[in-house]
Amino acid sequence: GATTITGGTLALEGSASIATSSGIAVESGATFDVSGLTSTFTLGDGQTLAGNGTVVGAVIAAAGSSIEPGGSIGELTMTGDVTIGGTLEVQYNGAEDPAVDLLTIDGNLVLDGATFDFQALGDPLTAESYVFATFTPSGLTGTATESNVPEGYVVTYDNAGGTISLVLVPEPSSFILLGLGLLGFLGFAKVRRR
């Protein structure tokens, strides 16, 4: 079955394990502490780590596992290095604020076979950019495969700034209008110079 941490702290120490738990939900205000384990906590194939709480300690999300910030749209905070070999599920709804899930990592992020999977929960996105993951600046290694990226957006990595975002790509017509505007301005400037 699943493990839900509704409040306080669930701490794993030494060689403790919850490998048989299909999902680990860390609710808002709750903490899942894996910093006392003798080896790095690893989410196995088929396991999910989700919620709006805090995870303390390094985490490896192996192939077949998933990290899902929020209950629907929300923020999961992780204090420790994170390696993702599975899927980061990012839900979004343009009608909400915040509109996109956020994975906040106070540590380095390694993407090793990772997939970013975007799931619409309502209205399309409209803003120029949405940060969906943060990490220690210059602490990123690797990139991810992308699935179901919202229409009109691309995933951008800012290693120096410590963010990964969805960024709106301007419509080709915007570039054409900008070009025509510049040509008109240059033509007007030439006429005035004569």
Protein backbone atom coordinates (compact mmCIF):
# COMPACT_ATOMS: atom_id res chain seq x y z
CA GLY A 1 0.00 0.00 0.00
CA ALA A 2 0.89 3.69 0.07
CA THR A 3 2.53 5.69 2.85
CA THR A 4 1.03 9.10 3.68
CA ILE A 5 2.78 11.50 6.04
CA THR A 6 0.10 13.92 7.22
CA GLY A 7 2.14 15.81 9.82
CA GLY A 8 5.33 15.73 11.82
CA THR A 9 8.35 13.77 10.56
CA LEU A 10 8.78 10.24 9.31
CA ALA A 11 12.50 9.48 9.60
CA LEU A 12 14.27 6.47 8.10
CA GLU A 13 17.63 5.59 9.65
CA GLY A 14 20.33 2.99 9.15
CA SER A 15 19.12 0.30 6.75
CA ALA A 16 15.38 1.06 7.16
CA SER A 17 13.28 0.70 4.02
CA ILE A 18 9.78 1.31 2.69
CA ALA A 19 10.50 -0.32 -0.65
CA THR A 20 7.16 -2.16 -0.57
CA SER A 21 5.22 1.11 -0.39
CA SER A 22 3.76 1.95 -3.81
CA GLY A 23 3.61 5.65 -3.06
CA ILE A 24 4.93 8.11 -0.51
CA ALA A 25 2.82 11.24 -0.04
CA VAL A 26 4.33 14.02 2.07
CA GLU A 27 1.54 16.44 2.90
CA SER A 28 1.96 20.17 3.53
CA GLY A 29 3.79 20.81 6.80
CA ALA A 30 5.04 17.21 7.00
CA THR A 31 8.63 15.96 6.58
CA PHE A 32 10.08 12.75 5.17
CA ASP A 33 13.66 12.51 6.51
CA VAL A 34 15.98 10.04 4.78
CA SER A 35 19.23 11.77 5.80
CA GLY A 36 19.97 9.12 8.45
CA LEU A 37 20.10 6.19 6.03
CA THR A 38 23.43 4.43 5.52
CA SER A 39 22.89 4.54 1.73
CA THR A 40 21.05 7.02 -0.50
CA PHE A 41 17.27 6.67 -0.41
CA THR A 42 16.10 5.21 -3.73
CA LEU A 43 12.61 5.23 -5.21
CA GLY A 44 12.23 1.94 -7.05
CA ASP A 45 10.38 0.96 -10.20
CA GLY A 46 6.67 1.71 -9.73
CA GLN A 47 7.13 3.93 -6.66
CA THR A 48 5.92 7.55 -6.47
CA LEU A 49 7.06 10.40 -4.23
CA ALA A 50 4.44 13.16 -4.10
CA GLY A 51 3.02 15.98 -2.04
CA ASN A 52 3.50 19.53 -0.78
CA GLY A 53 5.81 18.74 2.12
CA THR A 54 9.57 18.50 2.60
CA VAL A 55 12.00 15.65 1.93
CA VAL A 56 15.30 15.84 3.83
CA GLY A 57 18.33 13.99 2.46
CA ALA A 58 19.60 12.79 -0.91
CA VAL A 59 17.14 10.95 -3.16
CA ILE A 60 17.54 8.80 -6.27
CA ALA A 61 14.40 8.33 -8.38
CA ALA A 62 15.30 5.22 -10.39
CA ALA A 63 13.91 4.27 -13.80
CA GLY A 64 10.21 3.49 -13.55
CA SER A 65 9.65 5.72 -10.50
CA SER A 66 8.09 9.17 -10.41
CA ILE A 67 8.22 12.41 -8.47
CA GLU A 68 4.95 14.36 -8.41
CA PRO A 69 5.03 17.77 -6.67
CA GLY A 70 1.73 18.78 -5.12
CA GLY A 71 -1.51 16.90 -4.62
CA SER A 72 -2.80 18.50 -7.78
CA ILE A 73 -0.73 21.65 -8.40
CA GLY A 74 1.72 22.40 -5.64
CA GLU A 75 5.32 22.46 -4.44
CA LEU A 76 7.50 19.63 -3.15
CA THR A 77 10.69 20.75 -1.36
CA MET A 78 13.76 18.52 -1.27
CA THR A 79 16.83 19.39 0.80
CA GLY A 80 19.62 17.24 -0.57
CA ASP A 81 20.99 16.15 -3.93
CA VAL A 82 18.41 14.58 -6.25
CA THR A 83 19.00 12.18 -9.14
CA ILE A 84 16.09 11.53 -11.48
CA GLY A 85 16.21 8.48 -13.72
CA GLY A 86 12.44 8.13 -13.76
CA THR A 87 9.71 10.71 -14.39
CA LEU A 88 9.06 14.18 -13.02
CA GLU A 89 5.29 14.69 -13.38
CA VAL A 90 4.43 18.37 -13.87
CA GLN A 91 0.75 19.31 -13.72
CA TYR A 92 -0.56 22.68 -14.89
CA ASN A 93 -3.71 24.78 -15.11
CA GLY A 94 -3.54 28.29 -16.57
CA ALA A 95 -6.57 29.35 -14.49
CA GLU A 96 -4.82 28.71 -11.16
CA ASP A 97 -2.13 30.58 -9.23
CA PRO A 98 0.36 29.04 -9.11
CA ALA A 99 -0.38 27.54 -12.51
CA VAL A 100 2.39 24.92 -12.58
CA ASP A 101 3.85 22.35 -10.16
CA LEU A 102 7.21 23.25 -8.61
CA LEU A 103 10.00 20.93 -7.48
CA THR A 104 12.32 22.94 -5.20
CA ILE A 105 15.71 21.32 -4.59
CA ASP A 106 18.18 22.71 -2.07
CA GLY A 107 21.00 20.73 -3.65
CA ASN A 108 22.28 19.46 -6.97
CA LEU A 109 20.07 17.90 -9.65
CA VAL A 110 21.22 15.04 -11.87
CA LEU A 111 19.01 14.07 -14.82
CA ASP A 112 20.08 10.57 -15.88
CA GLY A 113 17.48 9.03 -18.17
CA ALA A 114 14.79 11.36 -16.76
CA THR A 115 11.50 12.30 -18.41
CA PHE A 116 9.50 15.48 -17.80
CA ASP A 117 5.84 14.57 -18.31
CA PHE A 118 3.40 17.50 -18.43
CA GLN A 119 -0.27 16.95 -17.55
CA ALA A 120 -3.03 19.50 -18.18
CA LEU A 121 -5.58 19.84 -15.36
CA GLY A 122 -7.58 22.69 -16.87
CA ASP A 123 -6.99 25.85 -18.87
CA PRO A 124 -3.98 26.25 -21.17
CA LEU A 125 -0.96 28.25 -20.05
CA THR A 126 -0.63 31.86 -21.23
CA ALA A 127 2.31 33.53 -19.43
CA GLU A 128 5.76 33.93 -21.00
CA SER A 129 7.46 31.51 -18.61
CA TYR A 130 6.83 29.14 -15.73
CA VAL A 131 9.58 27.72 -13.51
CA PHE A 132 8.82 24.09 -12.62
CA ALA A 133 12.13 23.05 -11.00
CA THR A 134 14.82 24.86 -9.01
CA PHE A 135 18.20 23.64 -7.76
CA THR A 136 21.50 24.98 -6.44
CA PRO A 137 22.89 27.38 -9.10
CA SER A 138 25.33 25.59 -11.45
CA GLY A 139 24.26 22.29 -9.84
CA LEU A 140 22.60 20.69 -12.87
CA THR A 141 23.95 17.67 -14.75
CA GLY A 142 22.15 16.26 -17.80
CA THR A 143 18.86 16.96 -19.53
CA ALA A 144 15.54 15.13 -19.73
CA THR A 145 13.29 13.70 -22.41
CA GLU A 146 10.06 15.69 -22.65
CA SER A 147 6.52 14.36 -22.96
CA ASN A 148 3.27 16.29 -23.55
CA VAL A 149 4.91 19.74 -23.46
CA PRO A 150 2.13 22.39 -23.51
CA GLU A 151 1.48 23.74 -27.00
CA GLY A 152 3.60 26.79 -27.85
CA TYR A 153 6.15 26.17 -25.06
CA VAL A 154 9.67 24.75 -24.85
CA VAL A 155 11.64 23.52 -21.85
CA THR A 156 14.68 25.70 -21.05
CA TYR A 157 17.53 24.97 -18.66
CA ASP A 158 19.28 27.80 -16.78
CA ASN A 159 22.10 26.06 -14.95
CA ALA A 160 23.71 29.31 -13.72
CA GLY A 161 20.38 30.56 -12.37
CA GLY A 162 19.34 27.18 -10.99
CA THR A 163 16.01 26.84 -12.82
CA ILE A 164 14.21 24.73 -15.40
CA SER A 165 11.23 26.44 -17.04
CA LEU A 166 8.52 26.26 -19.63
CA VAL A 167 9.05 29.24 -21.96
CA LEU A 168 6.55 30.52 -24.53
CA VAL A 169 7.85 30.52 -28.10
CA PRO A 170 6.72 33.66 -29.99
CA GLU A 171 4.41 33.03 -32.94
CA PRO A 172 6.15 33.34 -36.33
CA SER A 173 3.73 36.18 -37.14
CA SER A 174 5.23 38.14 -34.20
CA PHE A 175 8.65 37.97 -35.85
CA ILE A 176 7.16 39.06 -39.20
CA LEU A 177 5.39 42.04 -37.59
CA LEU A 178 8.57 42.98 -35.74
CA GLY A 179 10.56 42.78 -38.98
CA LEU A 180 8.01 44.88 -40.88
CA GLY A 181 7.99 47.42 -38.07
CA LEU A 182 11.78 47.70 -38.19
CA LEU A 183 11.77 48.03 -42.00
CA GLY A 184 9.13 50.76 -41.78
CA PHE A 185 11.12 52.60 -39.12
CA LEU A 186 14.36 52.36 -41.14
CA GLY A 187 12.55 53.57 -44.28
CA PHE A 188 11.06 56.51 -42.34
CA ALA A 189 14.50 57.36 -40.90
CA LYS A 190 16.02 57.36 -44.43
CA VAL A 191 13.27 59.65 -45.78
CA ARG A 192 13.77 62.07 -42.89
CA ARG A 193 17.54 62.14 -43.44
CA ARG A 194 17.11 63.38 -47.03
